[in-house]
C-alpha cells in the first residue's frame, strides 16, 4: 500500500539545505550496510523540520485569534526573540487589548503567551546548541534571557534536563554515529 508523503508548505526558520542534503546523502550511503546509522541521519533530518517550527497556524477558533493575528504574533516573537517581548507589543500586533489578547491566544494555542514564548526560547537555545559552539551564556543572551542560570531553569522545566546535559548527550550521540559511519565505510567493499 502506498502512503502519501506530507506536504511541506514552508521551511523552518534557519533551515540549511546543505545540512539537509548531507544528512540525506549519509542516510542513503549507509542504508544497506548499517540501517541503524541511516535511521539516525533520517531522524536528524526530520528534526530539522520541527526544531524551529513554532506552534502550527490553525484556522480561527471561536473566541481565539484569527489566523492573520496568530501568524503576525508568531512572526513578531521570532523576530524579537533575542530581546524583551512584551504582552503589550504582542496585543498591538493582534490589534487587541492585552487582556483580550491573552484570552484569545490561550484559546487558539492552548497555552499562555508567556508559556509559548518560553518554549520558543528553549527551542532556539536547542537549535543554537546544535549548530554553534557558543557558550551557554552567549546562547542565553541570544535567546533573550538574562544569563545562563535563567536559561538552565527554563530549559530544565521545559526539556527535563539542563542545557549542558542535553548538549553533551547530543554530542556523544552524534560522535557515536560518526564513528559507526566511519567503521561502516571501512567494512564495506568498494
C-alpha atoms as a PDB file:
ATOM      1  CA  UNK A   1       0.000   0.000   0.000  1.00  0.00           C
ATOM      2  CA  UNK A   2       1.327   3.443  -0.925  1.00  0.00           C
ATOM      3  CA  UNK A   3       1.479   6.140   1.713  1.00  0.00           C
ATOM      4  CA  UNK A   4       1.152   9.764   0.750  1.00  0.00           C
ATOM      5  CA  UNK A   5       4.001  11.917   1.980  1.00  0.00           C
ATOM      6  CA  UNK A   6       3.014  15.006   3.933  1.00  0.00           C
ATOM      7  CA  UNK A   7       3.197  18.279   2.073  1.00  0.00           C
ATOM      8  CA  UNK A   8       5.708  20.781   3.392  1.00  0.00           C
ATOM      9  CA  UNK A   9       4.369  24.273   2.816  1.00  0.00           C
ATOM     10  CA  UNK A  10       7.188  26.263   4.427  1.00  0.00           C
ATOM     11  CA  UNK A  11      10.720  25.615   5.577  1.00  0.00           C
ATOM     12  CA  UNK A  12      11.571  26.268   9.217  1.00  0.00           C
ATOM     13  CA  UNK A  13      13.499  29.369  10.275  1.00  0.00           C
ATOM     14  CA  UNK A  14      17.232  28.799   9.842  1.00  0.00           C
ATOM     15  CA  UNK A  15      16.772  25.769   7.564  1.00  0.00           C
ATOM     16  CA  UNK A  16      20.087  24.844   5.932  1.00  0.00           C
ATOM     17  CA  UNK A  17      19.620  22.973   2.629  1.00  0.00           C
ATOM     18  CA  UNK A  18      23.281  21.886   2.573  1.00  0.00           C
ATOM     19  CA  UNK A  19      22.932  20.257   6.001  1.00  0.00           C
ATOM     20  CA  UNK A  20      19.704  18.556   4.945  1.00  0.00           C
ATOM     21  CA  UNK A  21      21.324  17.297   1.741  1.00  0.00           C
ATOM     22  CA  UNK A  22      24.309  15.986   3.690  1.00  0.00           C
ATOM     23  CA  UNK A  23      22.102  14.144   6.185  1.00  0.00           C
ATOM     24  CA  UNK A  24      20.078  12.602   3.367  1.00  0.00           C
ATOM     25  CA  UNK A  25      23.194  11.589   1.424  1.00  0.00           C
ATOM     26  CA  UNK A  26      24.682   9.992   4.547  1.00  0.00           C
ATOM     27  CA  UNK A  27      21.432   8.109   5.185  1.00  0.00           C
ATOM     28  CA  UNK A  28      21.338   6.763   1.632  1.00  0.00           C
ATOM     29  CA  UNK A  29      25.011   5.754   1.671  1.00  0.00           C
ATOM     30  CA  UNK A  30      24.678   3.826   4.945  1.00  0.00           C
ATOM     31  CA  UNK A  31      21.235   2.307   4.418  1.00  0.00           C
ATOM     32  CA  UNK A  32      22.383  -1.066   3.039  1.00  0.00           C
ATOM     33  CA  UNK A  33      25.245  -1.848   5.420  1.00  0.00           C
ATOM     34  CA  UNK A  34      24.131  -0.017   8.573  1.00  0.00           C
ATOM     35  CA  UNK A  35      20.391   0.755   8.748  1.00  0.00           C
ATOM     36  CA  UNK A  36      20.638   1.954  12.369  1.00  0.00           C
ATOM     37  CA  UNK A  37      23.031   4.720  11.385  1.00  0.00           C
ATOM     38  CA  UNK A  38      20.870   5.569   8.373  1.00  0.00           C
ATOM     39  CA  UNK A  39      17.863   5.854  10.646  1.00  0.00           C
ATOM     40  CA  UNK A  40      19.755   8.280  12.890  1.00  0.00           C
ATOM     41  CA  UNK A  41      20.549  10.507   9.896  1.00  0.00           C
ATOM     42  CA  UNK A  42      16.904  10.457   8.829  1.00  0.00           C
ATOM     43  CA  UNK A  43      15.766  11.311  12.369  1.00  0.00           C
ATOM     44  CA  UNK A  44      18.150  14.305  12.417  1.00  0.00           C
ATOM     45  CA  UNK A  45      16.791  15.377   9.033  1.00  0.00           C
ATOM     46  CA  UNK A  46      13.218  15.123  10.304  1.00  0.00           C
ATOM     47  CA  UNK A  47      14.166  17.071  13.434  1.00  0.00           C
ATOM     48  CA  UNK A  48      15.253  19.984  11.251  1.00  0.00           C
ATOM     49  CA  UNK A  49      11.613  20.472  10.346  1.00  0.00           C
ATOM     50  CA  UNK A  50      10.329  20.578  13.913  1.00  0.00           C
ATOM     51  CA  UNK A  51      13.091  22.187  15.998  1.00  0.00           C
ATOM     52  CA  UNK A  52      12.397  25.738  14.854  1.00  0.00           C
ATOM     53  CA  UNK A  53       8.813  25.267  13.823  1.00  0.00           C
ATOM     54  CA  UNK A  54       6.559  27.362  16.036  1.00  0.00           C
ATOM     55  CA  UNK A  55       3.058  26.342  17.030  1.00  0.00           C
ATOM     56  CA  UNK A  56       1.257  25.421  13.809  1.00  0.00           C
ATOM     57  CA  UNK A  57      -1.010  28.125  12.447  1.00  0.00           C
ATOM     58  CA  UNK A  58      -4.543  26.875  12.966  1.00  0.00           C
ATOM     59  CA  UNK A  59      -7.801  28.019  11.496  1.00  0.00           C
ATOM     60  CA  UNK A  60      -9.679  30.588  13.533  1.00  0.00           C
ATOM     61  CA  UNK A  61     -11.279  29.227  16.697  1.00  0.00           C
ATOM     62  CA  UNK A  62     -14.326  30.812  18.288  1.00  0.00           C
ATOM     63  CA  UNK A  63     -13.047  33.223  20.919  1.00  0.00           C
ATOM     64  CA  UNK A  64      -9.496  32.803  19.631  1.00  0.00           C
ATOM     65  CA  UNK A  65      -7.200  34.674  17.319  1.00  0.00           C
ATOM     66  CA  UNK A  66      -7.765  34.884  13.585  1.00  0.00           C
ATOM     67  CA  UNK A  67      -5.093  33.149  11.503  1.00  0.00           C
ATOM     68  CA  UNK A  68      -3.596  36.510  10.440  1.00  0.00           C
ATOM     69  CA  UNK A  69      -3.360  37.588  14.088  1.00  0.00           C
ATOM     70  CA  UNK A  70      -1.625  34.399  15.204  1.00  0.00           C
ATOM     71  CA  UNK A  71       0.726  34.471  12.224  1.00  0.00           C
ATOM     72  CA  UNK A  72       1.664  38.092  12.985  1.00  0.00           C
ATOM     73  CA  UNK A  73       2.206  37.387  16.684  1.00  0.00           C
ATOM     74  CA  UNK A  74       4.387  34.328  15.985  1.00  0.00           C
ATOM     75  CA  UNK A  75       6.433  36.296  13.436  1.00  0.00           C
ATOM     76  CA  UNK A  76       6.872  39.128  15.951  1.00  0.00           C
ATOM     77  CA  UNK A  77       8.037  36.668  18.617  1.00  0.00           C
ATOM     78  CA  UNK A  78      10.514  35.046  16.217  1.00  0.00           C
ATOM     79  CA  UNK A  79      11.850  38.423  15.111  1.00  0.00           C
ATOM     80  CA  UNK A  80      12.322  39.772  18.641  1.00  0.00           C
ATOM     81  CA  UNK A  81      13.129  36.533  20.494  1.00  0.00           C
ATOM     82  CA  UNK A  82      16.594  37.783  21.424  1.00  0.00           C
ATOM     83  CA  UNK A  83      15.192  40.787  23.274  1.00  0.00           C
ATOM     84  CA  UNK A  84      12.296  41.656  25.542  1.00  0.00           C
ATOM     85  CA  UNK A  85       8.939  40.636  24.087  1.00  0.00           C
ATOM     86  CA  UNK A  86       6.138  42.346  25.980  1.00  0.00           C
ATOM     87  CA  UNK A  87       2.462  41.443  26.109  1.00  0.00           C
ATOM     88  CA  UNK A  88       1.514  44.980  25.088  1.00  0.00           C
ATOM     89  CA  UNK A  89       3.523  44.671  21.868  1.00  0.00           C
ATOM     90  CA  UNK A  90       2.002  41.266  21.065  1.00  0.00           C
ATOM     91  CA  UNK A  91      -1.506  42.574  21.742  1.00  0.00           C
ATOM     92  CA  UNK A  92      -0.780  45.533  19.477  1.00  0.00           C
ATOM     93  CA  UNK A  93       0.285  43.200  16.652  1.00  0.00           C
ATOM     94  CA  UNK A  94      -3.039  41.362  17.059  1.00  0.00           C
ATOM     95  CA  UNK A  95      -4.889  44.701  17.380  1.00  0.00           C
ATOM     96  CA  UNK A  96      -6.496  43.670  20.671  1.00  0.00           C
ATOM     97  CA  UNK A  97      -6.401  44.835  24.274  1.00  0.00           C
ATOM     98  CA  UNK A  98      -3.839  42.993  26.389  1.00  0.00           C
ATOM     99  CA  UNK A  99      -6.469  41.080  28.375  1.00  0.00           C
ATOM    100  CA  UNK A 100      -8.470  40.062  25.318  1.00  0.00           C
ATOM    101  CA  UNK A 101      -5.268  39.066  23.512  1.00  0.00           C
ATOM    102  CA  UNK A 102      -4.141  36.803  26.386  1.00  0.00           C
ATOM    103  CA  UNK A 103      -7.506  35.006  26.487  1.00  0.00           C
ATOM    104  CA  UNK A 104      -7.708  34.651  22.697  1.00  0.00           C
ATOM    105  CA  UNK A 105      -4.106  33.418  22.449  1.00  0.00           C
ATOM    106  CA  UNK A 106      -4.741  30.711  25.045  1.00  0.00           C
ATOM    107  CA  UNK A 107      -7.942  29.606  23.279  1.00  0.00           C
ATOM    108  CA  UNK A 108      -6.037  29.363  19.990  1.00  0.00           C
ATOM    109  CA  UNK A 109      -2.779  27.728  21.122  1.00  0.00           C
ATOM    110  CA  UNK A 110      -3.716  26.044  24.383  1.00  0.00           C
ATOM    111  CA  UNK A 111      -1.067  27.942  26.329  1.00  0.00           C
ATOM    112  CA  UNK A 112      -0.437  31.442  27.610  1.00  0.00           C
ATOM    113  CA  UNK A 113       1.684  33.857  25.570  1.00  0.00           C
ATOM    114  CA  UNK A 114       4.355  33.646  28.291  1.00  0.00           C
ATOM    115  CA  UNK A 115       4.498  29.823  28.163  1.00  0.00           C
ATOM    116  CA  UNK A 116       4.659  29.952  24.353  1.00  0.00           C
ATOM    117  CA  UNK A 117       7.488  32.499  24.495  1.00  0.00           C
ATOM    118  CA  UNK A 118       9.470  30.365  26.957  1.00  0.00           C
ATOM    119  CA  UNK A 119       9.046  27.289  24.754  1.00  0.00           C
ATOM    120  CA  UNK A 120      10.221  29.243  21.692  1.00  0.00           C
ATOM    121  CA  UNK A 121      13.278  30.499  23.588  1.00  0.00           C
ATOM    122  CA  UNK A 122      14.144  26.957  24.660  1.00  0.00           C
ATOM    123  CA  UNK A 123      13.737  25.724  21.072  1.00  0.00           C
ATOM    124  CA  UNK A 124      16.009  28.493  19.821  1.00  0.00           C
ATOM    125  CA  UNK A 125      18.560  27.562  22.516  1.00  0.00           C
ATOM    126  CA  UNK A 126      18.439  23.919  21.372  1.00  0.00           C
ATOM    127  CA  UNK A 127      18.997  24.980  17.781  1.00  0.00           C
ATOM    128  CA  UNK A 128      21.952  27.173  18.744  1.00  0.00           C
ATOM    129  CA  UNK A 129      23.460  24.382  20.861  1.00  0.00           C
ATOM    130  CA  UNK A 130      23.265  22.033  17.866  1.00  0.00           C
ATOM    131  CA  UNK A 131      24.515  24.459  15.240  1.00  0.00           C
ATOM    132  CA  UNK A 132      27.096  26.598  17.055  1.00  0.00           C
ATOM    133  CA  UNK A 133      29.929  26.308  19.556  1.00  0.00           C
ATOM    134  CA  UNK A 134      28.713  29.325  21.537  1.00  0.00           C
ATOM    135  CA  UNK A 135      28.813  29.106  25.316  1.00  0.00           C
ATOM    136  CA  UNK A 136      25.574  28.616  27.204  1.00  0.00           C
ATOM    137  CA  UNK A 137      25.856  32.204  28.467  1.00  0.00           C
ATOM    138  CA  UNK A 138      26.060  33.501  24.889  1.00  0.00           C
ATOM    139  CA  UNK A 139      23.134  31.302  23.882  1.00  0.00           C
ATOM    140  CA  UNK A 140      21.072  32.523  26.836  1.00  0.00           C
ATOM    141  CA  UNK A 141      21.679  36.120  25.823  1.00  0.00           C
ATOM    142  CA  UNK A 142      20.886  35.371  22.146  1.00  0.00           C
ATOM    143  CA  UNK A 143      17.563  33.896  23.271  1.00  0.00           C
ATOM    144  CA  UNK A 144      16.576  36.988  25.239  1.00  0.00           C
ATOM    145  CA  UNK A 145      17.372  35.539  28.661  1.00  0.00           C
ATOM    146  CA  UNK A 146      19.309  37.340  31.369  1.00  0.00           C
ATOM    147  CA  UNK A 147      22.017  34.749  31.995  1.00  0.00           C
ATOM    148  CA  UNK A 148      22.980  31.075  31.872  1.00  0.00           C
ATOM    149  CA  UNK A 149      21.189  30.339  35.154  1.00  0.00           C
ATOM    150  CA  UNK A 150      17.949  31.713  33.698  1.00  0.00           C
ATOM    151  CA  UNK A 151      18.390  29.500  30.618  1.00  0.00           C
ATOM    152  CA  UNK A 152      19.128  26.484  32.814  1.00  0.00           C
ATOM    153  CA  UNK A 153      15.984  26.962  34.937  1.00  0.00           C
ATOM    154  CA  UNK A 154      13.684  27.369  31.936  1.00  0.00           C
ATOM    155  CA  UNK A 155      15.382  24.624  29.909  1.00  0.00           C
ATOM    156  CA  UNK A 156      15.114  22.104  32.749  1.00  0.00           C
ATOM    157  CA  UNK A 157      11.442  22.978  33.246  1.00  0.00           C
ATOM    158  CA  UNK A 158      10.624  22.507  29.536  1.00  0.00           C
ATOM    159  CA  UNK A 159      13.011  19.708  28.483  1.00  0.00           C
ATOM    160  CA  UNK A 160      13.617  17.878  31.767  1.00  0.00           C
ATOM    161  CA  UNK A 161      17.420  18.142  31.816  1.00  0.00           C
ATOM    162  CA  UNK A 162      19.908  21.003  31.942  1.00  0.00           C
ATOM    163  CA  UNK A 163      21.199  22.524  28.689  1.00  0.00           C
ATOM    164  CA  UNK A 164      24.699  21.198  29.412  1.00  0.00           C
ATOM    165  CA  UNK A 165      23.476  17.608  29.821  1.00  0.00           C
ATOM    166  CA  UNK A 166      21.273  17.936  26.726  1.00  0.00           C
ATOM    167  CA  UNK A 167      24.138  19.297  24.601  1.00  0.00           C
ATOM    168  CA  UNK A 168      26.629  16.669  25.837  1.00  0.00           C
ATOM    169  CA  UNK A 169      24.134  13.865  25.185  1.00  0.00           C
ATOM    170  CA  UNK A 170      23.585  15.077  21.631  1.00  0.00           C
ATOM    171  CA  UNK A 171      27.321  15.496  21.019  1.00  0.00           C
ATOM    172  CA  UNK A 172      28.027  11.951  22.297  1.00  0.00           C
ATOM    173  CA  UNK A 173      25.230  10.558  20.152  1.00  0.00           C
ATOM    174  CA  UNK A 174      26.496  12.449  17.110  1.00  0.00           C
ATOM    175  CA  UNK A 175      30.081  11.267  17.738  1.00  0.00           C
ATOM    176  CA  UNK A 176      28.857   7.653  18.036  1.00  0.00           C
ATOM    177  CA  UNK A 177      27.033   7.924  14.719  1.00  0.00           C
ATOM    178  CA  UNK A 178      30.088   9.440  13.028  1.00  0.00           C
ATOM    179  CA  UNK A 179      32.296   6.650  14.441  1.00  0.00           C
ATOM    180  CA  UNK A 180      29.804   3.977  13.308  1.00  0.00           C
ATOM    181  CA  UNK A 181      29.594   5.613   9.901  1.00  0.00           C
ATOM    182  CA  UNK A 182      33.389   5.603   9.505  1.00  0.00           C
ATOM    183  CA  UNK A 183      33.560   1.985  10.690  1.00  0.00           C
ATOM    184  CA  UNK A 184      30.840   1.067   8.196  1.00  0.00           C
ATOM    185  CA  UNK A 185      32.789   2.712   5.369  1.00  0.00           C
ATOM    186  CA  UNK A 186      35.853   0.601   6.193  1.00  0.00           C
ATOM    187  CA  UNK A 187      33.860  -2.634   6.312  1.00  0.00           C
ATOM    188  CA  UNK A 188      32.034  -2.003   3.040  1.00  0.00           C
ATOM    189  CA  UNK A 189      33.935  -3.188  -0.059  1.00  0.00           C
ATOM    190  CA  UNK A 190      34.373  -0.566  -2.782  1.00  0.00           C
END
